[in-house]
N, C-alpha and C. Protein backbone atom coordinates (compact mmCIF):
# COMPACT_ATOMS: atom_id res chain seq x y z
N UNK A 1 18.90 -37.08 16.49
CA UNK A 1 19.35 -35.84 17.08
C UNK A 1 19.38 -34.73 16.04
N UNK A 2 19.83 -35.03 14.85
CA UNK A 2 19.92 -34.01 13.81
C UNK A 2 18.55 -33.55 13.33
N UNK A 3 17.58 -34.44 13.22
CA UNK A 3 16.26 -34.10 12.73
C UNK A 3 15.58 -33.04 13.61
N UNK A 4 15.52 -33.19 14.94
CA UNK A 4 14.90 -32.14 15.76
C UNK A 4 15.63 -30.79 15.63
N UNK A 5 16.95 -30.82 15.53
CA UNK A 5 17.69 -29.58 15.41
C UNK A 5 17.39 -28.92 14.05
N UNK A 6 17.31 -29.72 12.98
CA UNK A 6 16.99 -29.20 11.65
C UNK A 6 15.57 -28.62 11.63
N UNK A 7 14.61 -29.33 12.26
CA UNK A 7 13.23 -28.86 12.33
C UNK A 7 13.17 -27.54 13.09
N UNK A 8 13.87 -27.43 14.20
CA UNK A 8 13.89 -26.19 14.99
C UNK A 8 14.48 -25.06 14.15
N UNK A 9 15.52 -25.35 13.39
CA UNK A 9 16.12 -24.33 12.52
C UNK A 9 15.14 -23.86 11.47
N UNK A 10 14.42 -24.80 10.84
CA UNK A 10 13.42 -24.43 9.84
C UNK A 10 12.30 -23.59 10.46
N UNK A 11 11.83 -23.98 11.62
CA UNK A 11 10.78 -23.21 12.29
C UNK A 11 11.26 -21.82 12.65
N UNK A 12 12.51 -21.72 13.06
CA UNK A 12 13.08 -20.41 13.38
C UNK A 12 13.15 -19.51 12.16
N UNK A 13 13.57 -20.07 11.03
CA UNK A 13 13.63 -19.30 9.79
C UNK A 13 12.23 -18.88 9.36
N UNK A 14 11.26 -19.78 9.46
CA UNK A 14 9.88 -19.44 9.10
C UNK A 14 9.35 -18.35 10.00
N UNK A 15 9.68 -18.38 11.27
CA UNK A 15 9.25 -17.33 12.20
C UNK A 15 9.82 -15.98 11.83
N UNK A 16 11.08 -15.97 11.41
CA UNK A 16 11.70 -14.71 10.99
C UNK A 16 11.02 -14.18 9.75
N UNK A 17 10.73 -15.05 8.78
CA UNK A 17 10.06 -14.61 7.55
C UNK A 17 8.69 -14.03 7.87
N UNK A 18 7.93 -14.69 8.77
CA UNK A 18 6.61 -14.19 9.12
C UNK A 18 6.66 -12.92 9.94
N UNK A 19 7.76 -12.67 10.64
CA UNK A 19 7.88 -11.48 11.47
C UNK A 19 7.86 -10.21 10.63
N UNK A 20 8.23 -10.30 9.36
CA UNK A 20 8.27 -9.13 8.49
C UNK A 20 6.91 -8.76 7.91
N UNK A 21 5.93 -9.65 8.02
CA UNK A 21 4.60 -9.36 7.47
C UNK A 21 3.87 -8.39 8.41
N UNK A 22 3.21 -7.37 7.85
CA UNK A 22 2.49 -6.42 8.71
C UNK A 22 1.29 -7.07 9.38
N UNK A 23 0.98 -6.60 10.56
CA UNK A 23 -0.22 -7.01 11.29
C UNK A 23 -1.19 -5.84 11.24
N UNK A 24 -1.92 -5.73 10.15
CA UNK A 24 -2.76 -4.57 9.87
C UNK A 24 -3.96 -4.54 10.82
N UNK A 25 -4.15 -3.43 11.55
CA UNK A 25 -5.28 -3.34 12.47
C UNK A 25 -6.56 -2.84 11.80
N UNK A 26 -6.45 -2.32 10.59
CA UNK A 26 -7.60 -1.74 9.88
C UNK A 26 -8.57 -2.83 9.46
N UNK A 27 -9.83 -2.42 9.34
CA UNK A 27 -10.80 -3.31 8.72
C UNK A 27 -10.60 -3.22 7.21
N UNK A 28 -10.90 -4.31 6.51
CA UNK A 28 -10.81 -4.29 5.05
C UNK A 28 -11.89 -3.36 4.51
N UNK A 29 -11.66 -2.77 3.35
CA UNK A 29 -10.57 -3.00 2.42
C UNK A 29 -9.37 -2.10 2.73
N UNK A 30 -8.19 -2.61 2.33
CA UNK A 30 -6.97 -1.81 2.39
C UNK A 30 -5.95 -2.42 1.44
N UNK A 31 -4.97 -1.60 1.08
CA UNK A 31 -3.85 -2.05 0.25
C UNK A 31 -2.60 -1.70 1.04
N UNK A 32 -1.84 -2.72 1.41
CA UNK A 32 -0.70 -2.57 2.31
C UNK A 32 0.57 -3.12 1.65
N UNK A 33 1.69 -2.45 1.89
CA UNK A 33 2.98 -2.97 1.45
C UNK A 33 3.15 -4.34 2.11
N UNK A 34 3.57 -5.33 1.37
CA UNK A 34 3.60 -6.71 1.87
C UNK A 34 4.59 -6.94 3.00
N UNK A 35 5.62 -6.13 3.10
CA UNK A 35 6.58 -6.23 4.21
C UNK A 35 6.39 -5.04 5.14
N UNK A 36 6.55 -5.28 6.41
CA UNK A 36 6.37 -4.22 7.41
C UNK A 36 7.49 -3.18 7.36
N UNK A 37 8.69 -3.60 6.99
CA UNK A 37 9.89 -2.75 7.05
C UNK A 37 10.06 -2.23 8.46
N UNK A 38 10.08 -0.92 8.65
CA UNK A 38 10.37 -0.35 9.97
C UNK A 38 9.18 0.39 10.58
N UNK A 39 7.95 0.01 10.20
CA UNK A 39 6.77 0.63 10.82
C UNK A 39 6.80 0.17 12.28
N UNK A 40 6.92 1.10 13.24
CA UNK A 40 7.21 0.73 14.62
C UNK A 40 6.14 -0.08 15.35
N UNK A 41 4.88 -0.01 14.92
CA UNK A 41 3.82 -0.77 15.57
C UNK A 41 3.62 -2.15 14.96
N UNK A 42 4.30 -2.41 13.84
CA UNK A 42 4.10 -3.66 13.12
C UNK A 42 2.86 -3.64 12.25
N UNK A 43 2.22 -2.46 12.09
CA UNK A 43 0.96 -2.32 11.35
C UNK A 43 1.15 -2.32 9.84
N UNK A 44 2.33 -1.97 9.36
CA UNK A 44 2.57 -1.89 7.93
C UNK A 44 2.24 -0.53 7.35
N UNK A 45 2.51 -0.39 6.06
CA UNK A 45 2.30 0.86 5.33
C UNK A 45 1.14 0.70 4.36
N UNK A 46 0.05 1.43 4.58
CA UNK A 46 -1.13 1.40 3.71
C UNK A 46 -1.13 2.63 2.80
N UNK A 47 -1.71 2.50 1.62
CA UNK A 47 -1.93 3.67 0.78
C UNK A 47 -2.83 4.61 1.56
N UNK A 48 -2.53 5.91 1.50
CA UNK A 48 -3.15 6.89 2.39
C UNK A 48 -3.22 8.25 1.72
N UNK A 49 -4.18 9.07 2.16
CA UNK A 49 -4.21 10.46 1.73
C UNK A 49 -3.16 11.23 2.51
N UNK A 50 -2.64 12.28 1.92
CA UNK A 50 -1.62 13.10 2.57
C UNK A 50 -2.30 13.99 3.61
N UNK A 51 -1.88 13.90 4.86
CA UNK A 51 -2.52 14.67 5.92
C UNK A 51 -3.77 13.94 6.39
N UNK A 52 -4.49 14.57 7.32
CA UNK A 52 -5.70 13.95 7.87
C UNK A 52 -6.88 14.16 6.92
N UNK A 53 -7.68 13.13 6.72
CA UNK A 53 -8.87 13.26 5.90
C UNK A 53 -8.58 13.25 4.41
N UNK A 54 -9.48 13.87 3.65
CA UNK A 54 -9.36 13.89 2.19
C UNK A 54 -8.31 14.89 1.76
N UNK A 55 -7.51 14.49 0.80
CA UNK A 55 -6.42 15.32 0.28
C UNK A 55 -6.24 15.02 -1.20
N UNK A 56 -5.60 15.94 -1.90
CA UNK A 56 -5.34 15.74 -3.32
C UNK A 56 -4.18 14.78 -3.58
N UNK A 57 -3.27 14.63 -2.61
CA UNK A 57 -2.08 13.80 -2.82
C UNK A 57 -2.13 12.54 -1.98
N UNK A 58 -1.41 11.51 -2.44
CA UNK A 58 -1.35 10.23 -1.75
C UNK A 58 0.07 9.89 -1.34
N UNK A 59 0.18 9.02 -0.36
CA UNK A 59 1.45 8.53 0.17
C UNK A 59 1.16 7.15 0.77
N UNK A 60 2.13 6.58 1.47
CA UNK A 60 1.82 5.46 2.35
C UNK A 60 2.00 5.95 3.77
N UNK A 61 1.31 5.29 4.69
CA UNK A 61 1.27 5.74 6.08
C UNK A 61 1.04 4.51 6.94
N UNK A 62 1.40 4.58 8.21
CA UNK A 62 1.07 3.49 9.13
C UNK A 62 -0.41 3.17 8.98
N UNK A 63 -0.73 1.90 8.79
CA UNK A 63 -2.14 1.50 8.76
C UNK A 63 -2.72 1.81 10.13
N UNK A 64 -3.95 2.30 10.14
CA UNK A 64 -4.54 2.77 11.40
C UNK A 64 -5.56 1.79 11.95
N UNK A 65 -5.66 1.72 13.29
CA UNK A 65 -6.70 0.90 13.91
C UNK A 65 -8.08 1.48 13.61
N UNK A 66 -9.12 0.63 13.60
CA UNK A 66 -10.46 1.14 13.32
C UNK A 66 -10.99 2.00 14.47
N UNK A 67 -11.89 2.89 14.15
CA UNK A 67 -12.56 3.71 15.15
C UNK A 67 -14.02 3.28 15.15
N UNK A 68 -14.43 2.63 16.22
CA UNK A 68 -15.78 2.10 16.32
C UNK A 68 -16.83 3.20 16.23
N UNK A 69 -17.88 2.94 15.46
CA UNK A 69 -19.02 3.83 15.39
C UNK A 69 -18.85 5.06 14.51
N UNK A 70 -17.69 5.21 13.89
CA UNK A 70 -17.46 6.37 13.03
C UNK A 70 -18.04 6.10 11.64
N UNK A 71 -18.51 7.16 10.95
CA UNK A 71 -19.04 6.95 9.60
C UNK A 71 -17.95 6.57 8.61
N UNK A 72 -18.35 6.04 7.49
CA UNK A 72 -17.41 5.63 6.44
C UNK A 72 -16.48 6.78 6.04
N UNK A 73 -17.00 8.03 6.05
CA UNK A 73 -16.22 9.19 5.63
C UNK A 73 -15.29 9.72 6.73
N UNK A 74 -15.22 9.05 7.88
CA UNK A 74 -14.35 9.47 8.98
C UNK A 74 -12.90 9.57 8.50
N UNK A 75 -12.22 10.66 8.88
CA UNK A 75 -10.85 10.90 8.38
C UNK A 75 -9.88 9.79 8.78
N UNK A 76 -10.15 9.06 9.84
CA UNK A 76 -9.29 7.95 10.24
C UNK A 76 -9.35 6.77 9.28
N UNK A 77 -10.32 6.76 8.39
CA UNK A 77 -10.42 5.71 7.37
C UNK A 77 -9.62 6.04 6.12
N UNK A 78 -8.83 7.12 6.16
CA UNK A 78 -8.12 7.56 4.95
C UNK A 78 -7.01 6.62 4.51
N UNK A 79 -6.71 5.58 5.29
CA UNK A 79 -5.74 4.56 4.85
C UNK A 79 -6.44 3.34 4.25
N UNK A 80 -7.71 3.49 3.94
CA UNK A 80 -8.47 2.36 3.40
C UNK A 80 -8.79 2.59 1.92
N UNK A 81 -8.21 1.75 1.10
CA UNK A 81 -8.42 1.77 -0.35
C UNK A 81 -8.73 0.36 -0.80
N UNK A 82 -9.38 0.25 -1.96
CA UNK A 82 -9.66 -1.06 -2.52
C UNK A 82 -9.31 -1.06 -4.00
N UNK A 83 -9.00 -2.25 -4.51
CA UNK A 83 -8.71 -2.40 -5.93
C UNK A 83 -9.95 -2.96 -6.61
N UNK A 84 -10.46 -2.23 -7.61
CA UNK A 84 -11.63 -2.66 -8.36
C UNK A 84 -11.12 -3.36 -9.63
N UNK A 85 -11.27 -4.67 -9.69
CA UNK A 85 -10.76 -5.44 -10.83
C UNK A 85 -11.50 -5.12 -12.13
N UNK A 86 -12.77 -4.73 -12.03
CA UNK A 86 -13.55 -4.42 -13.23
C UNK A 86 -13.08 -3.12 -13.89
N UNK A 87 -12.86 -2.08 -13.09
CA UNK A 87 -12.45 -0.78 -13.63
C UNK A 87 -10.94 -0.60 -13.64
N UNK A 88 -10.20 -1.51 -12.97
CA UNK A 88 -8.74 -1.45 -12.84
C UNK A 88 -8.31 -0.20 -12.07
N UNK A 89 -9.11 0.21 -11.09
CA UNK A 89 -8.81 1.42 -10.34
C UNK A 89 -8.58 1.12 -8.86
N UNK A 90 -7.73 1.95 -8.26
CA UNK A 90 -7.53 1.95 -6.82
C UNK A 90 -8.47 3.02 -6.29
N UNK A 91 -9.49 2.57 -5.55
CA UNK A 91 -10.61 3.42 -5.16
C UNK A 91 -10.54 3.72 -3.66
N UNK A 92 -10.80 4.98 -3.30
CA UNK A 92 -10.86 5.37 -1.89
C UNK A 92 -12.09 4.76 -1.25
N UNK A 93 -11.93 4.19 -0.06
CA UNK A 93 -13.07 3.65 0.67
C UNK A 93 -13.90 4.77 1.32
N UNK A 94 -13.28 5.73 2.03
CA UNK A 94 -14.09 6.74 2.70
C UNK A 94 -14.59 7.86 1.80
N UNK A 95 -13.89 8.12 0.70
CA UNK A 95 -14.22 9.27 -0.15
C UNK A 95 -14.80 8.76 -1.46
N UNK A 96 -16.10 8.59 -1.46
CA UNK A 96 -16.83 7.99 -2.56
C UNK A 96 -16.57 8.73 -3.88
N UNK A 97 -16.25 7.96 -4.91
CA UNK A 97 -16.05 8.52 -6.24
C UNK A 97 -14.66 9.07 -6.50
N UNK A 98 -13.70 8.77 -5.60
CA UNK A 98 -12.33 9.24 -5.79
C UNK A 98 -11.38 8.06 -5.96
N UNK A 99 -10.42 8.22 -6.92
CA UNK A 99 -9.49 7.15 -7.28
C UNK A 99 -8.05 7.66 -7.30
N UNK A 100 -7.12 6.72 -7.18
CA UNK A 100 -5.70 7.03 -7.28
C UNK A 100 -5.35 7.29 -8.74
N UNK A 101 -4.56 8.33 -8.98
CA UNK A 101 -4.09 8.63 -10.33
C UNK A 101 -2.62 8.98 -10.28
N UNK A 102 -1.84 8.41 -11.19
CA UNK A 102 -0.42 8.73 -11.29
C UNK A 102 -0.26 10.09 -11.96
N UNK A 103 0.60 10.92 -11.38
CA UNK A 103 0.96 12.22 -11.96
C UNK A 103 2.42 12.10 -12.36
N UNK A 104 2.69 12.25 -13.63
CA UNK A 104 4.05 12.00 -14.13
C UNK A 104 4.58 13.25 -14.82
N UNK A 105 5.76 13.68 -14.38
CA UNK A 105 6.48 14.77 -15.02
C UNK A 105 7.92 14.29 -15.22
N UNK A 106 8.69 14.97 -16.01
CA UNK A 106 10.06 14.56 -16.26
C UNK A 106 10.82 14.46 -14.94
N UNK A 107 11.30 13.26 -14.64
CA UNK A 107 12.10 13.04 -13.45
C UNK A 107 11.33 12.96 -12.14
N UNK A 108 10.01 12.96 -12.19
CA UNK A 108 9.23 12.95 -10.95
C UNK A 108 7.89 12.26 -11.16
N UNK A 109 7.45 11.59 -10.11
CA UNK A 109 6.10 11.01 -10.13
C UNK A 109 5.49 11.17 -8.75
N UNK A 110 4.20 11.39 -8.72
CA UNK A 110 3.43 11.45 -7.49
C UNK A 110 2.10 10.80 -7.78
N UNK A 111 1.32 10.64 -6.74
CA UNK A 111 -0.01 10.09 -6.90
C UNK A 111 -1.01 11.03 -6.28
N UNK A 112 -2.14 11.17 -6.96
CA UNK A 112 -3.20 12.07 -6.50
C UNK A 112 -4.46 11.27 -6.25
N UNK A 113 -5.35 11.85 -5.46
CA UNK A 113 -6.69 11.31 -5.25
C UNK A 113 -7.64 12.24 -5.98
N UNK A 114 -8.11 11.79 -7.14
CA UNK A 114 -8.95 12.61 -8.00
C UNK A 114 -10.27 11.89 -8.28
N UNK A 115 -11.23 12.63 -8.80
CA UNK A 115 -12.50 12.01 -9.15
C UNK A 115 -12.24 10.86 -10.11
N UNK A 116 -12.90 9.73 -9.86
CA UNK A 116 -12.73 8.57 -10.73
C UNK A 116 -13.18 8.92 -12.15
N UNK A 117 -12.37 8.50 -13.12
CA UNK A 117 -12.66 8.77 -14.53
C UNK A 117 -12.03 7.67 -15.37
N UNK A 118 -12.10 7.83 -16.67
CA UNK A 118 -11.46 6.88 -17.57
C UNK A 118 -10.02 7.28 -17.90
N UNK A 119 -9.46 8.20 -17.15
CA UNK A 119 -8.09 8.64 -17.41
C UNK A 119 -7.15 7.43 -17.37
N UNK A 120 -6.28 7.29 -18.38
CA UNK A 120 -5.41 6.10 -18.44
C UNK A 120 -4.47 5.96 -17.23
N UNK A 121 -4.17 7.05 -16.53
CA UNK A 121 -3.28 6.94 -15.38
C UNK A 121 -4.03 6.63 -14.09
N UNK A 122 -5.33 6.32 -14.23
CA UNK A 122 -6.10 5.78 -13.12
C UNK A 122 -6.28 4.27 -13.27
N UNK A 123 -5.69 3.70 -14.29
CA UNK A 123 -5.84 2.27 -14.57
C UNK A 123 -4.57 1.53 -14.15
N UNK A 124 -4.76 0.55 -13.25
CA UNK A 124 -3.65 -0.22 -12.73
C UNK A 124 -3.96 -1.71 -12.85
N UNK A 125 -2.92 -2.51 -13.03
CA UNK A 125 -3.06 -3.95 -13.09
C UNK A 125 -2.42 -4.51 -11.83
N UNK A 126 -3.21 -5.22 -11.02
CA UNK A 126 -2.65 -5.90 -9.85
C UNK A 126 -2.32 -7.33 -10.25
N UNK A 127 -1.06 -7.72 -10.04
CA UNK A 127 -0.58 -9.05 -10.39
C UNK A 127 -0.46 -9.87 -9.10
N UNK A 128 -1.36 -10.84 -8.92
CA UNK A 128 -1.34 -11.68 -7.71
C UNK A 128 -0.03 -12.45 -7.56
N UNK A 129 0.58 -12.83 -8.67
CA UNK A 129 1.78 -13.66 -8.63
C UNK A 129 2.97 -12.93 -8.04
N UNK A 130 3.28 -11.73 -8.55
CA UNK A 130 4.44 -11.01 -8.03
C UNK A 130 4.04 -9.86 -7.10
N UNK A 131 2.75 -9.73 -6.83
CA UNK A 131 2.18 -8.73 -5.91
C UNK A 131 2.49 -7.29 -6.31
N UNK A 132 2.61 -7.04 -7.61
CA UNK A 132 2.86 -5.68 -8.06
C UNK A 132 1.58 -5.01 -8.51
N UNK A 133 1.58 -3.71 -8.41
CA UNK A 133 0.51 -2.86 -8.90
C UNK A 133 1.16 -2.04 -10.01
N UNK A 134 0.79 -2.34 -11.26
CA UNK A 134 1.46 -1.74 -12.41
C UNK A 134 0.52 -0.77 -13.13
N UNK A 135 1.10 0.30 -13.65
CA UNK A 135 0.35 1.25 -14.45
C UNK A 135 -0.05 0.54 -15.74
N UNK A 136 -1.33 0.51 -16.05
CA UNK A 136 -1.82 -0.24 -17.21
C UNK A 136 -1.21 0.26 -18.52
N UNK A 137 -1.08 1.58 -18.68
CA UNK A 137 -0.56 2.11 -19.94
C UNK A 137 0.94 1.86 -20.11
N UNK A 138 1.65 1.52 -19.05
CA UNK A 138 3.08 1.20 -19.10
C UNK A 138 3.34 0.16 -18.01
N UNK A 139 3.13 -1.12 -18.33
CA UNK A 139 3.22 -2.16 -17.32
C UNK A 139 4.63 -2.48 -16.87
N UNK A 140 5.62 -1.74 -17.39
CA UNK A 140 6.97 -1.83 -16.86
C UNK A 140 7.14 -0.90 -15.65
N UNK A 141 6.10 -0.11 -15.35
CA UNK A 141 6.12 0.84 -14.23
C UNK A 141 5.28 0.32 -13.08
N UNK A 142 5.89 0.26 -11.89
CA UNK A 142 5.23 -0.26 -10.69
C UNK A 142 5.02 0.84 -9.65
N UNK A 143 3.92 0.73 -8.92
CA UNK A 143 3.70 1.57 -7.76
C UNK A 143 4.63 1.04 -6.67
N UNK A 144 5.43 1.92 -6.11
CA UNK A 144 6.42 1.53 -5.11
C UNK A 144 6.46 2.58 -4.00
N UNK A 145 7.30 2.34 -3.01
CA UNK A 145 7.50 3.32 -1.94
C UNK A 145 8.98 3.68 -1.87
N UNK A 146 9.24 4.86 -1.32
CA UNK A 146 10.62 5.28 -1.09
C UNK A 146 11.24 4.38 -0.02
N UNK A 147 12.55 4.27 -0.04
CA UNK A 147 13.26 3.39 0.90
C UNK A 147 13.30 3.94 2.32
N UNK A 148 13.14 5.25 2.48
CA UNK A 148 13.26 5.85 3.81
C UNK A 148 11.91 6.16 4.43
N UNK A 149 11.82 5.89 5.72
CA UNK A 149 10.62 6.19 6.50
C UNK A 149 10.78 7.55 7.15
N UNK A 150 9.67 8.30 7.18
CA UNK A 150 9.66 9.66 7.73
C UNK A 150 8.64 9.71 8.87
N UNK A 151 8.96 10.39 9.98
CA UNK A 151 7.98 10.54 11.06
C UNK A 151 6.74 11.29 10.58
N UNK A 152 5.57 10.92 11.13
CA UNK A 152 4.31 11.58 10.79
C UNK A 152 3.46 11.63 12.07
N UNK A 153 3.81 12.54 12.97
CA UNK A 153 3.12 12.61 14.26
C UNK A 153 3.39 11.33 15.03
N UNK A 154 2.34 10.66 15.53
CA UNK A 154 2.57 9.41 16.26
C UNK A 154 2.80 8.21 15.33
N UNK A 155 2.78 8.44 14.03
CA UNK A 155 2.88 7.39 13.02
C UNK A 155 4.13 7.61 12.18
N UNK A 156 4.25 6.86 11.09
CA UNK A 156 5.32 7.06 10.11
C UNK A 156 4.73 6.97 8.71
N UNK A 157 5.48 7.45 7.73
CA UNK A 157 5.01 7.43 6.34
C UNK A 157 6.19 7.23 5.39
N UNK A 158 5.86 6.92 4.16
CA UNK A 158 6.83 6.82 3.06
C UNK A 158 6.15 7.37 1.81
N UNK A 159 6.88 8.13 0.99
CA UNK A 159 6.29 8.61 -0.27
C UNK A 159 5.99 7.45 -1.22
N UNK A 160 4.91 7.59 -1.98
CA UNK A 160 4.59 6.66 -3.07
C UNK A 160 5.35 7.12 -4.30
N UNK A 161 5.87 6.19 -5.07
CA UNK A 161 6.59 6.52 -6.29
C UNK A 161 6.16 5.58 -7.41
N UNK A 162 6.44 5.97 -8.61
CA UNK A 162 6.23 5.12 -9.77
C UNK A 162 7.63 4.80 -10.30
N UNK A 163 7.99 3.53 -10.28
CA UNK A 163 9.35 3.11 -10.62
C UNK A 163 9.34 2.07 -11.72
N UNK A 164 10.44 1.97 -12.44
CA UNK A 164 10.61 0.88 -13.39
C UNK A 164 10.70 -0.40 -12.58
N UNK A 165 9.79 -1.32 -12.82
CA UNK A 165 9.66 -2.53 -12.00
C UNK A 165 10.97 -3.29 -11.83
N UNK A 166 11.72 -3.43 -12.90
CA UNK A 166 12.97 -4.21 -12.86
C UNK A 166 14.08 -3.51 -12.09
N UNK A 167 13.88 -2.23 -11.74
CA UNK A 167 14.95 -1.46 -11.10
C UNK A 167 14.70 -1.17 -9.62
N UNK A 168 13.60 -1.70 -9.07
CA UNK A 168 13.29 -1.41 -7.67
C UNK A 168 13.25 -2.72 -6.88
N UNK A 169 13.74 -2.68 -5.65
CA UNK A 169 13.74 -3.83 -4.77
C UNK A 169 12.32 -4.37 -4.60
N UNK A 170 12.17 -5.68 -4.63
CA UNK A 170 10.85 -6.30 -4.54
C UNK A 170 10.09 -5.86 -3.29
N UNK A 171 10.77 -5.70 -2.17
CA UNK A 171 10.08 -5.36 -0.93
C UNK A 171 9.48 -3.95 -0.95
N UNK A 172 9.89 -3.14 -1.91
CA UNK A 172 9.36 -1.77 -2.02
C UNK A 172 8.24 -1.67 -3.04
N UNK A 173 7.91 -2.78 -3.72
CA UNK A 173 6.88 -2.74 -4.76
C UNK A 173 5.84 -3.84 -4.63
N UNK A 174 5.92 -4.65 -3.58
CA UNK A 174 4.98 -5.75 -3.42
C UNK A 174 3.87 -5.35 -2.45
N UNK A 175 2.62 -5.54 -2.91
CA UNK A 175 1.44 -5.10 -2.17
C UNK A 175 0.52 -6.26 -1.88
N UNK A 176 -0.15 -6.20 -0.74
CA UNK A 176 -1.24 -7.12 -0.42
C UNK A 176 -2.53 -6.34 -0.55
N UNK A 177 -3.42 -6.83 -1.39
CA UNK A 177 -4.72 -6.20 -1.60
C UNK A 177 -5.75 -7.02 -0.82
N UNK A 178 -6.34 -6.39 0.19
CA UNK A 178 -7.28 -7.09 1.06
C UNK A 178 -8.67 -6.47 0.85
N UNK A 179 -9.60 -7.30 0.39
CA UNK A 179 -10.95 -6.84 0.06
C UNK A 179 -11.89 -7.04 1.24
N UNK A 180 -13.03 -6.38 1.14
CA UNK A 180 -14.07 -6.52 2.18
C UNK A 180 -14.59 -7.92 2.24
């Protein structure tokens, strides 16, 4: 009698743990926060350009469903990024030749989408073990998201931040990198 009840309890706990994983509708490649948090569709938060289409600034945004027949440069693909292990860069899928770069000022950090270069703040280390994306020049700094979700039309978003890895909750700094 106890074994079936214990098994049911374990299955219930496993179901709860899996319920937090995003169900990303986008085609690969994409980089998504490993936990869904409060994205209302269950799609998760993908790295994204600010606003529709190409933009100078980056954020996270509800991962978007694919649009059949649209070209690679279609603005709806702006939540699709890939991690290039050879160059250590987070590269835009729709906007050829553009990469994520950390912009750091005293007390503030943002991320931009700039032409790919050898700039040290375009170099990131993705750690499969702890699922962090760390700035290569300062591996104590992790790419993270703000704790609060903000409405974004029919979707939601969260600002991207650069945080001291040891000082930010794991669920705000763990990423799943999904390749083509």
